[in-house]
Full PDB file with SEQRES, HELIX, SHEET, SSBOND, CRYST1, ORIGX, SCALE, CONECT and MASTER records, all heavy atoms in Angstrom:
SEQRES   1 A   36  GLY LEU LEU VAL HIS ARG GLY ARG LEU ASP ASP GLN VAL          
SEQRES   2 A   36  LYS ILE ARG GLY TYR ARG VAL GLU PRO SER GLU VAL GLU          
SEQRES   3 A   36  ALA ALA LEU ARG ARG LEU ASP ALA VAL THR                      
HELIX    1 AA1 LEU A    9  ASP A   11  5                                   3    
HELIX    2 AA2 PRO A   22  ARG A   30  1                                   9    
SHEET    1 AA1 2 VAL A  13  ILE A  15  0                                        
SHEET    2 AA1 2 TYR A  18  VAL A  20 -1                                        
CRYST1    1.000    1.000    1.000  90.00  90.00  90.00 P 1           1          
ORIGX1      1.000000  0.000000  0.000000        0.00000                         
ORIGX2      0.000000  1.000000  0.000000        0.00000                         
ORIGX3      0.000000  0.000000  1.000000        0.00000                         
SCALE1      1.000000  0.000000  0.000000        0.00000                         
SCALE2      0.000000  1.000000  0.000000        0.00000                         
SCALE3      0.000000  0.000000  1.000000        0.00000                         
ATOM      1  N   GLY A   1     182.625 171.443  88.254  1.00  0.00           N  
ATOM      2  CA  GLY A   1     183.925 171.453  87.589  1.00  0.00           C  
ATOM      3  C   GLY A   1     185.057 170.845  88.427  1.00  0.00           C  
ATOM      4  O   GLY A   1     186.206 170.851  87.972  1.00  0.00           O  
ATOM      5  N   LEU A   2     184.745 170.310  89.597  1.00  0.00           N  
ATOM      6  CA  LEU A   2     185.771 169.743  90.491  1.00  0.00           C  
ATOM      7  C   LEU A   2     185.524 168.250  90.673  1.00  0.00           C  
ATOM      8  O   LEU A   2     184.385 167.805  90.755  1.00  0.00           O  
ATOM      9  CB  LEU A   2     185.774 170.439  91.845  1.00  0.00           C  
ATOM     10  CG  LEU A   2     186.031 171.957  91.848  1.00  0.00           C  
ATOM     11  CD1 LEU A   2     185.752 172.532  93.228  1.00  0.00           C  
ATOM     12  CD2 LEU A   2     187.459 172.238  91.432  1.00  0.00           C  
ATOM     13  N   LEU A   3     186.599 167.487  90.797  1.00  0.00           N  
ATOM     14  CA  LEU A   3     186.477 166.082  91.103  1.00  0.00           C  
ATOM     15  C   LEU A   3     186.169 165.901  92.593  1.00  0.00           C  
ATOM     16  O   LEU A   3     186.819 166.491  93.449  1.00  0.00           O  
ATOM     17  CB  LEU A   3     187.787 165.334  90.767  1.00  0.00           C  
ATOM     18  CG  LEU A   3     188.173 165.240  89.303  1.00  0.00           C  
ATOM     19  CD1 LEU A   3     189.568 164.637  89.160  1.00  0.00           C  
ATOM     20  CD2 LEU A   3     187.156 164.434  88.510  1.00  0.00           C  
ATOM     21  N   VAL A   4     185.168 165.070  92.876  1.00  0.00           N  
ATOM     22  CA  VAL A   4     184.802 164.758  94.264  1.00  0.00           C  
ATOM     23  C   VAL A   4     184.947 163.249  94.429  1.00  0.00           C  
ATOM     24  O   VAL A   4     184.454 162.459  93.605  1.00  0.00           O  
ATOM     25  CB  VAL A   4     183.359 165.183  94.562  1.00  0.00           C  
ATOM     26  CG1 VAL A   4     182.936 164.692  95.968  1.00  0.00           C  
ATOM     27  CG2 VAL A   4     183.224 166.700  94.476  1.00  0.00           C  
ATOM     28  N   HIS A   5     185.672 162.841  95.449  1.00  0.00           N  
ATOM     29  CA  HIS A   5     185.921 161.426  95.709  1.00  0.00           C  
ATOM     30  C   HIS A   5     184.671 160.785  96.298  1.00  0.00           C  
ATOM     31  O   HIS A   5     184.129 161.267  97.282  1.00  0.00           O  
ATOM     32  CB  HIS A   5     187.101 161.289  96.695  1.00  0.00           C  
ATOM     33  CG  HIS A   5     187.575 159.882  96.857  1.00  0.00           C  
ATOM     34  ND1 HIS A   5     186.997 159.007  97.755  1.00  0.00           N  
ATOM     35  CD2 HIS A   5     188.581 159.170  96.251  1.00  0.00           C  
ATOM     36  CE1 HIS A   5     187.636 157.849  97.705  1.00  0.00           C  
ATOM     37  NE2 HIS A   5     188.579 157.911  96.797  1.00  0.00           N  
ATOM     38  N   ARG A   6     184.233 159.661  95.687  1.00  0.00           N  
ATOM     39  CA  ARG A   6     182.984 159.029  96.099  1.00  0.00           C  
ATOM     40  C   ARG A   6     183.205 157.675  96.797  1.00  0.00           C  
ATOM     41  O   ARG A   6     182.248 156.973  97.064  1.00  0.00           O  
ATOM     42  CB  ARG A   6     182.091 158.814  94.867  1.00  0.00           C  
ATOM     43  CG  ARG A   6     181.715 160.098  94.154  1.00  0.00           C  
ATOM     44  CD  ARG A   6     180.673 160.861  94.917  1.00  0.00           C  
ATOM     45  NE  ARG A   6     179.455 160.101  95.080  1.00  0.00           N  
ATOM     46  CZ  ARG A   6     178.432 160.463  95.836  1.00  0.00           C  
ATOM     47  NH1 ARG A   6     178.519 161.565  96.536  1.00  0.00           N  
ATOM     48  NH2 ARG A   6     177.362 159.713  95.942  1.00  0.00           N  
ATOM     49  N   GLY A   7     184.448 157.304  97.046  1.00  0.00           N  
ATOM     50  CA  GLY A   7     184.710 156.029  97.693  1.00  0.00           C  
ATOM     51  C   GLY A   7     185.312 155.032  96.734  1.00  0.00           C  
ATOM     52  O   GLY A   7     185.569 155.306  95.555  1.00  0.00           O  
ATOM     53  N   ARG A   8     185.551 153.830  97.227  1.00  0.00           N  
ATOM     54  CA  ARG A   8     186.167 152.761  96.437  1.00  0.00           C  
ATOM     55  C   ARG A   8     185.124 151.994  95.660  1.00  0.00           C  
ATOM     56  O   ARG A   8     183.986 151.815  96.101  1.00  0.00           O  
ATOM     57  CB  ARG A   8     186.892 151.782  97.364  1.00  0.00           C  
ATOM     58  CG  ARG A   8     188.094 152.373  98.103  1.00  0.00           C  
ATOM     59  CD  ARG A   8     189.253 152.590  97.170  1.00  0.00           C  
ATOM     60  NE  ARG A   8     189.738 151.324  96.611  1.00  0.00           N  
ATOM     61  CZ  ARG A   8     190.621 151.235  95.633  1.00  0.00           C  
ATOM     62  NH1 ARG A   8     191.114 152.319  95.065  1.00  0.00           N  
ATOM     63  NH2 ARG A   8     191.019 150.067  95.173  1.00  0.00           N  
ATOM     64  N   LEU A   9     185.532 151.528  94.460  1.00  0.00           N  
ATOM     65  CA  LEU A   9     184.625 150.693  93.689  1.00  0.00           C  
ATOM     66  C   LEU A   9     184.267 149.447  94.473  1.00  0.00           C  
ATOM     67  O   LEU A   9     183.126 148.985  94.433  1.00  0.00           O  
ATOM     68  CB  LEU A   9     185.328 150.258  92.392  1.00  0.00           C  
ATOM     69  CG  LEU A   9     185.303 151.233  91.199  1.00  0.00           C  
ATOM     70  CD1 LEU A   9     186.062 150.629  90.043  1.00  0.00           C  
ATOM     71  CD2 LEU A   9     183.872 151.552  90.792  1.00  0.00           C  
ATOM     72  N   ASP A  10     185.238 148.875  95.193  1.00  0.00           N  
ATOM     73  CA  ASP A  10     184.973 147.642  95.900  1.00  0.00           C  
ATOM     74  C   ASP A  10     184.191 147.854  97.183  1.00  0.00           C  
ATOM     75  O   ASP A  10     183.860 146.915  97.906  1.00  0.00           O  
ATOM     76  CB  ASP A  10     186.255 146.854  96.180  1.00  0.00           C  
ATOM     77  CG  ASP A  10     187.350 147.732  96.801  1.00  0.00           C  
ATOM     78  OD1 ASP A  10     187.007 148.789  97.333  1.00  0.00           O  
ATOM     79  OD2 ASP A  10     188.512 147.328  96.718  1.00  0.00           O  
ATOM     80  N   ASP A  11     183.834 149.121  97.501  1.00  0.00           N  
ATOM     81  CA  ASP A  11     182.970 149.388  98.646  1.00  0.00           C  
ATOM     82  C   ASP A  11     181.492 149.286  98.270  1.00  0.00           C  
ATOM     83  O   ASP A  11     180.639 149.216  99.123  1.00  0.00           O  
ATOM     84  CB  ASP A  11     183.208 150.809  99.204  1.00  0.00           C  
ATOM     85  CG  ASP A  11     184.509 150.892  99.990  1.00  0.00           C  
ATOM     86  OD1 ASP A  11     185.032 149.815 100.393  1.00  0.00           O  
ATOM     87  OD2 ASP A  11     185.011 152.020 100.218  1.00  0.00           O  
ATOM     88  N   GLN A  12     181.230 149.345  96.969  1.00  0.00           N  
ATOM     89  CA  GLN A  12     179.825 149.313  96.527  1.00  0.00           C  
ATOM     90  C   GLN A  12     179.178 147.990  96.927  1.00  0.00           C  
ATOM     91  O   GLN A  12     179.796 146.935  96.827  1.00  0.00           O  
ATOM     92  CB  GLN A  12     179.715 149.483  95.018  1.00  0.00           C  
ATOM     93  CG  GLN A  12     179.895 150.915  94.556  1.00  0.00           C  
ATOM     94  CD  GLN A  12     179.580 151.036  93.071  1.00  0.00           C  
ATOM     95  OE1 GLN A  12     179.520 150.066  92.346  1.00  0.00           O  
ATOM     96  NE2 GLN A  12     179.406 152.265  92.615  1.00  0.00           N  
ATOM     97  N   VAL A  13     177.957 148.075  97.366  1.00  0.00           N  
ATOM     98  CA  VAL A  13     177.214 146.854  97.714  1.00  0.00           C  
ATOM     99  C   VAL A  13     175.825 146.965  97.091  1.00  0.00           C  
ATOM    100  O   VAL A  13     175.372 148.064  96.738  1.00  0.00           O  
ATOM    101  CB  VAL A  13     177.070 146.642  99.242  1.00  0.00           C  
ATOM    102  CG1 VAL A  13     178.445 146.372  99.852  1.00  0.00           C  
ATOM    103  CG2 VAL A  13     176.425 147.841  99.895  1.00  0.00           C  
ATOM    104  N   LYS A  14     175.162 145.819  96.934  1.00  0.00           N  
ATOM    105  CA  LYS A  14     173.794 145.803  96.460  1.00  0.00           C  
ATOM    106  C   LYS A  14     172.878 145.420  97.587  1.00  0.00           C  
ATOM    107  O   LYS A  14     173.073 144.354  98.204  1.00  0.00           O  
ATOM    108  CB  LYS A  14     173.643 144.878  95.243  1.00  0.00           C  
ATOM    109  CG  LYS A  14     174.051 145.523  93.937  1.00  0.00           C  
ATOM    110  CD  LYS A  14     173.450 144.783  92.739  1.00  0.00           C  
ATOM    111  CE  LYS A  14     173.646 145.562  91.457  1.00  0.00           C  
ATOM    112  NZ  LYS A  14     173.008 144.900  90.321  1.00  0.00           N  
ATOM    113  N   ILE A  15     171.890 146.236  97.830  1.00  0.00           N  
ATOM    114  CA  ILE A  15     170.897 145.976  98.894  1.00  0.00           C  
ATOM    115  C   ILE A  15     169.556 145.795  98.197  1.00  0.00           C  
ATOM    116  O   ILE A  15     169.008 146.751  97.626  1.00  0.00           O  
ATOM    117  CB  ILE A  15     170.831 147.148  99.897  1.00  0.00           C  
ATOM    118  CG1 ILE A  15     172.214 147.408 100.509  1.00  0.00           C  
ATOM    119  CG2 ILE A  15     169.788 146.838 100.943  1.00  0.00           C  
ATOM    120  CD1 ILE A  15     172.750 146.263 101.344  1.00  0.00           C  
ATOM    121  N   ARG A  16     169.107 144.560  98.193  1.00  0.00           N  
ATOM    122  CA  ARG A  16     167.806 144.251  97.567  1.00  0.00           C  
ATOM    123  C   ARG A  16     167.708 144.794  96.153  1.00  0.00           C  
ATOM    124  O   ARG A  16     166.707 145.374  95.744  1.00  0.00           O  
ATOM    125  CB  ARG A  16     166.663 144.776  98.452  1.00  0.00           C  
ATOM    126  CG  ARG A  16     166.563 144.009  99.785  1.00  0.00           C  
ATOM    127  CD  ARG A  16     165.775 144.760 100.803  1.00  0.00           C  
ATOM    128  NE  ARG A  16     165.819 144.047 102.065  1.00  0.00           N  
ATOM    129  CZ  ARG A  16     166.837 144.088 102.915  1.00  0.00           C  
ATOM    130  NH1 ARG A  16     167.912 144.815 102.639  1.00  0.00           N  
ATOM    131  NH2 ARG A  16     166.837 143.388 104.049  1.00  0.00           N  
ATOM    132  N   GLY A  17     168.796 144.580  95.410  1.00  0.00           N  
ATOM    133  CA  GLY A  17     168.836 144.982  94.004  1.00  0.00           C  
ATOM    134  C   GLY A  17     169.311 146.381  93.747  1.00  0.00           C  
ATOM    135  O   GLY A  17     169.643 146.756  92.617  1.00  0.00           O  
ATOM    136  N   TYR A  18     169.349 147.224  94.797  1.00  0.00           N  
ATOM    137  CA  TYR A  18     169.813 148.620  94.610  1.00  0.00           C  
ATOM    138  C   TYR A  18     171.332 148.663  94.796  1.00  0.00           C  
ATOM    139  O   TYR A  18     171.907 148.059  95.728  1.00  0.00           O  
ATOM    140  CB  TYR A  18     169.181 149.537  95.662  1.00  0.00           C  
ATOM    141  CG  TYR A  18     167.710 149.765  95.465  1.00  0.00           C  
ATOM    142  CD1 TYR A  18     166.767 149.022  96.173  1.00  0.00           C  
ATOM    143  CD2 TYR A  18     167.256 150.756  94.581  1.00  0.00           C  
ATOM    144  CE1 TYR A  18     165.413 149.235  96.029  1.00  0.00           C  
ATOM    145  CE2 TYR A  18     165.886 150.975  94.430  1.00  0.00           C  
ATOM    146  CZ  TYR A  18     164.984 150.219  95.134  1.00  0.00           C  
ATOM    147  OH  TYR A  18     163.653 150.449  94.985  1.00  0.00           O  
ATOM    148  N   ARG A  19     172.000 149.391  93.919  1.00  0.00           N  
ATOM    149  CA  ARG A  19     173.428 149.633  94.104  1.00  0.00           C  
ATOM    150  C   ARG A  19     173.594 150.750  95.125  1.00  0.00           C  
ATOM    151  O   ARG A  19     173.064 151.851  94.961  1.00  0.00           O  
ATOM    152  CB  ARG A  19     174.099 150.040  92.784  1.00  0.00           C  
ATOM    153  CG  ARG A  19     175.594 150.310  92.925  1.00  0.00           C  
ATOM    154  CD  ARG A  19     176.209 150.693  91.597  1.00  0.00           C  
ATOM    155  NE  ARG A  19     176.241 149.561  90.677  1.00  0.00           N  
ATOM    156  CZ  ARG A  19     176.608 149.651  89.407  1.00  0.00           C  
ATOM    157  NH1 ARG A  19     176.949 150.832  88.923  1.00  0.00           N  
ATOM    158  NH2 ARG A  19     176.622 148.603  88.644  1.00  0.00           N  
ATOM    159  N   VAL A  20     174.332 150.465  96.207  1.00  0.00           N  
ATOM    160  CA  VAL A  20     174.474 151.400  97.321  1.00  0.00           C  
ATOM    161  C   VAL A  20     175.929 151.814  97.468  1.00  0.00           C  
ATOM    162  O   VAL A  20     176.813 150.968  97.449  1.00  0.00           O  
ATOM    163  CB  VAL A  20     173.966 150.756  98.637  1.00  0.00           C  
ATOM    164  CG1 VAL A  20     174.268 151.667  99.824  1.00  0.00           C  
ATOM    165  CG2 VAL A  20     172.455 150.486  98.559  1.00  0.00           C  
ATOM    166  N   GLU A  21     176.142 153.102  97.622  1.00  0.00           N  
ATOM    167  CA  GLU A  21     177.467 153.639  97.880  1.00  0.00           C  
ATOM    168  C   GLU A  21     177.558 153.959  99.386  1.00  0.00           C  
ATOM    169  O   GLU A  21     176.935 154.917  99.863  1.00  0.00           O  
ATOM    170  CB  GLU A  21     177.734 154.901  97.068  1.00  0.00           C  
ATOM    171  CG  GLU A  21     177.696 154.671  95.569  1.00  0.00           C  
ATOM    172  CD  GLU A  21     177.956 155.951  94.796  1.00  0.00           C  
ATOM    173  OE1 GLU A  21     178.117 156.997  95.428  1.00  0.00           O  
ATOM    174  OE2 GLU A  21     177.964 155.887  93.560  1.00  0.00           O  
ATOM    175  N   PRO A  22     178.299 153.170 100.159  1.00  0.00           N  
ATOM    176  CA  PRO A  22     178.380 153.411 101.610  1.00  0.00           C  
ATOM    177  C   PRO A  22     178.818 154.844 101.956  1.00  0.00           C  
ATOM    178  O   PRO A  22     178.393 155.377 102.980  1.00  0.00           O  
ATOM    179  CB  PRO A  22     179.413 152.399 102.076  1.00  0.00           C  
ATOM    180  CG  PRO A  22     179.265 151.249 101.103  1.00  0.00           C  
ATOM    181  CD  PRO A  22     179.022 151.953  99.775  1.00  0.00           C  
ATOM    182  N   SER A  23     179.642 155.451 101.103  1.00  0.00           N  
ATOM    183  CA  SER A  23     180.136 156.818 101.410  1.00  0.00           C  
ATOM    184  C   SER A  23     178.953 157.810 101.486  1.00  0.00           C  
ATOM    185  O   SER A  23     179.001 158.778 102.258  1.00  0.00           O  
ATOM    186  CB  SER A  23     181.150 157.281 100.364  1.00  0.00           C  
ATOM    187  OG  SER A  23     180.547 157.335  99.092  1.00  0.00           O  
ATOM    188  N   GLU A  24     177.915 157.561 100.702  1.00  0.00           N  
ATOM    189  CA  GLU A  24     176.754 158.452 100.740  1.00  0.00           C  
ATOM    190  C   GLU A  24     176.028 158.323 102.100  1.00  0.00           C  
ATOM    191  O   GLU A  24     175.585 159.341 102.683  1.00  0.00           O  
ATOM    192  CB  GLU A  24     175.790 158.111  99.602  1.00  0.00           C  
ATOM    193  CG  GLU A  24     174.584 159.033  99.515  1.00  0.00           C  
ATOM    194  CD  GLU A  24     173.694 158.742  98.343  1.00  0.00           C  
ATOM    195  OE1 GLU A  24     174.021 157.832  97.558  1.00  0.00           O  
ATOM    196  OE2 GLU A  24     172.641 159.404  98.225  1.00  0.00           O  
ATOM    197  N   VAL A  25     175.943 157.108 102.590  1.00  0.00           N  
ATOM    198  CA  VAL A  25     175.289 156.883 103.894  1.00  0.00           C  
ATOM    199  C   VAL A  25     176.154 157.449 105.008  1.00  0.00           C  
ATOM    200  O   VAL A  25     175.671 158.065 105.961  1.00  0.00           O  
ATOM    201  CB  VAL A  25     175.016 155.390 104.095  1.00  0.00           C  
ATOM    202  CG1 VAL A  25     174.202 155.173 105.400  1.00  0.00           C  
ATOM    203  CG2 VAL A  25     174.285 154.804 102.917  1.00  0.00           C  
ATOM    204  N   GLU A  26     177.486 157.269 104.899  1.00  0.00           N  
ATOM    205  CA  GLU A  26     178.401 157.815 105.881  1.00  0.00           C  
ATOM    206  C   GLU A  26     178.272 159.323 105.967  1.00  0.00           C  
ATOM    207  O   GLU A  26     178.292 159.923 107.062  1.00  0.00           O  
ATOM    208  CB  GLU A  26     179.836 157.410 105.534  1.00  0.00           C  
ATOM    209  CG  GLU A  26     180.104 155.931 105.709  1.00  0.00           C  
ATOM    210  CD  GLU A  26     181.412 155.466 105.092  1.00  0.00           C  
ATOM    211  OE1 GLU A  26     182.111 156.305 104.471  1.00  0.00           O  
ATOM    212  OE2 GLU A  26     181.708 154.269 105.187  1.00  0.00           O  
ATOM    213  N   ALA A  27     178.159 159.965 104.806  1.00  0.00           N  
ATOM    214  CA  ALA A  27     178.025 161.438 104.789  1.00  0.00           C  
ATOM    215  C   ALA A  27     176.739 161.883 105.502  1.00  0.00           C  
ATOM    216  O   ALA A  27     176.744 162.869 106.258  1.00  0.00           O  
ATOM    217  CB  ALA A  27     178.031 161.952 103.349  1.00  0.00           C  
ATOM    218  N   ALA A  28     175.657 161.149 105.289  1.00  0.00           N  
ATOM    219  CA  ALA A  28     174.413 161.479 105.940  1.00  0.00           C  
ATOM    220  C   ALA A  28     174.510 161.270 107.469  1.00  0.00           C  
ATOM    221  O   ALA A  28     174.011 162.103 108.255  1.00  0.00           O  
ATOM    222  CB  ALA A  28     173.272 160.627 105.390  1.00  0.00           C  
ATOM    223  N   LEU A  29     175.199 160.244 107.899  1.00  0.00           N  
ATOM    224  CA  LEU A  29     175.398 160.022 109.317  1.00  0.00           C  
ATOM    225  C   LEU A  29     176.206 161.141 109.957  1.00  0.00           C  
ATOM    226  O   LEU A  29     175.915 161.634 111.038  1.00  0.00           O  
ATOM    227  CB  LEU A  29     176.080 158.675 109.558  1.00  0.00           C  
ATOM    228  CG  LEU A  29     175.157 157.457 109.632  1.00  0.00           C  
ATOM    229  CD1 LEU A  29     175.986 156.187 109.463  1.00  0.00           C  
ATOM    230  CD2 LEU A  29     174.408 157.446 110.938  1.00  0.00           C  
ATOM    231  N   ARG A  30     177.277 161.539 109.263  1.00  0.00           N  
ATOM    232  CA  ARG A  30     178.175 162.568 109.820  1.00  0.00           C  
ATOM    233  C   ARG A  30     177.448 163.908 109.976  1.00  0.00           C  
ATOM    234  O   ARG A  30     177.865 164.737 110.784  1.00  0.00           O  
ATOM    235  CB  ARG A  30     179.399 162.756 108.943  1.00  0.00           C  
ATOM    236  CG  ARG A  30     180.401 161.620 109.010  1.00  0.00           C  
ATOM    237  CD  ARG A  30     181.737 162.005 108.388  1.00  0.00           C  
ATOM    238  NE  ARG A  30     181.604 162.380 107.002  1.00  0.00           N  
ATOM    239  CZ  ARG A  30     181.833 161.542 105.977  1.00  0.00           C  
ATOM    240  NH1 ARG A  30     182.202 160.291 106.206  1.00  0.00           N  
ATOM    241  NH2 ARG A  30     181.718 161.954 104.723  1.00  0.00           N  
ATOM    242  N   ARG A  31     176.368 164.090 109.217  1.00  0.00           N  
ATOM    243  CA  ARG A  31     175.628 165.352 109.340  1.00  0.00           C  
ATOM    244  C   ARG A  31     174.737 165.400 110.586  1.00  0.00           C  
ATOM    245  O   ARG A  31     174.217 166.454 110.951  1.00  0.00           O  
ATOM    246  CB  ARG A  31     174.785 165.577 108.089  1.00  0.00           C  
ATOM    247  CG  ARG A  31     175.623 166.001 106.863  1.00  0.00           C  
ATOM    248  CD  ARG A  31     174.741 166.528 105.750  1.00  0.00           C  
ATOM    249  NE  ARG A  31     174.001 165.492 105.065  1.00  0.00           N  
ATOM    250  CZ  ARG A  31     174.406 164.843 103.984  1.00  0.00           C  
ATOM    251  NH1 ARG A  31     175.592 165.123 103.487  1.00  0.00           N  
ATOM    252  NH2 ARG A  31     173.664 163.894 103.423  1.00  0.00           N  
ATOM    253  N   LEU A  32     174.574 164.241 111.233  1.00  0.00           N  
ATOM    254  CA  LEU A  32     173.753 164.224 112.463  1.00  0.00           C  
ATOM    255  C   LEU A  32     174.558 164.754 113.649  1.00  0.00           C  
ATOM    256  O   LEU A  32     175.740 164.493 113.786  1.00  0.00           O  
ATOM    257  CB  LEU A  32     173.325 162.788 112.756  1.00  0.00           C  
ATOM    258  CG  LEU A  32     172.559 162.046 111.650  1.00  0.00           C  
ATOM    259  CD1 LEU A  32     172.124 160.655 112.121  1.00  0.00           C  
ATOM    260  CD2 LEU A  32     171.327 162.850 111.218  1.00  0.00           C  
ATOM    261  N   ASP A  33     173.909 165.493 114.497  1.00  0.00           N  
ATOM    262  CA  ASP A  33     174.610 166.128 115.640  1.00  0.00           C  
ATOM    263  C   ASP A  33     175.250 165.080 116.538  1.00  0.00           C  
ATOM    264  O   ASP A  33     176.286 165.357 117.154  1.00  0.00           O  
ATOM    265  CB  ASP A  33     173.610 166.959 116.458  1.00  0.00           C  
ATOM    266  CG  ASP A  33     173.136 168.202 115.724  1.00  0.00           C  
ATOM    267  OD1 ASP A  33     173.854 168.627 114.762  1.00  0.00           O  
ATOM    268  OD2 ASP A  33     172.069 168.746 116.059  1.00  0.00           O  
ATOM    269  N   ALA A  34     174.656 163.911 116.658  1.00  0.00           N  
ATOM    270  CA  ALA A  34     175.167 162.913 117.588  1.00  0.00           C  
ATOM    271  C   ALA A  34     176.389 162.181 117.066  1.00  0.00           C  
ATOM    272  O   ALA A  34     177.093 161.496 117.828  1.00  0.00           O  
ATOM    273  CB  ALA A  34     174.055 161.886 117.895  1.00  0.00           C  
ATOM    274  N   VAL A  35     176.678 162.290 115.764  1.00  0.00           N  
ATOM    275  CA  VAL A  35     177.703 161.451 115.127  1.00  0.00           C  
ATOM    276  C   VAL A  35     178.955 162.281 114.823  1.00  0.00           C  
ATOM    277  O   VAL A  35     178.865 163.365 114.259  1.00  0.00           O  
ATOM    278  CB  VAL A  35     177.156 160.785 113.847  1.00  0.00           C  
ATOM    279  CG1 VAL A  35     178.248 160.018 113.131  1.00  0.00           C  
ATOM    280  CG2 VAL A  35     175.988 159.876 114.181  1.00  0.00           C  
ATOM    281  N   THR A  36     180.101 161.706 115.194  1.00  0.00           N  
ATOM    282  CA  THR A  36     181.391 162.338 114.858  1.00  0.00           C  
ATOM    283  C   THR A  36     181.983 161.705 113.608  1.00  0.00           C  
ATOM    284  O   THR A  36     182.300 162.379 112.655  1.00  0.00           O  
ATOM    285  CB  THR A  36     182.378 162.210 116.044  1.00  0.00           C  
ATOM    286  OG1 THR A  36     181.779 162.808 117.200  1.00  0.00           O  
ATOM    287  CG2 THR A  36     183.695 162.917 115.718  1.00  0.00           C  
TER     288      THR A  36                                                      
MASTER        0    0    0    2    2    0    0    6  287    1    0    3          
END                                                                             
C-alpha cells in the first residue's frame, strides 16, 4: 500500500536483452557487509 521509489526511467539499461534496473543491483550491493 506504499509507494517505493525504484529509480529513474533513464537509469534503466538493457543487458543482453534483459531490462535491468540499476537500483535493484545497488540495493543488493548495499546489503553486503563490505559495501557502504
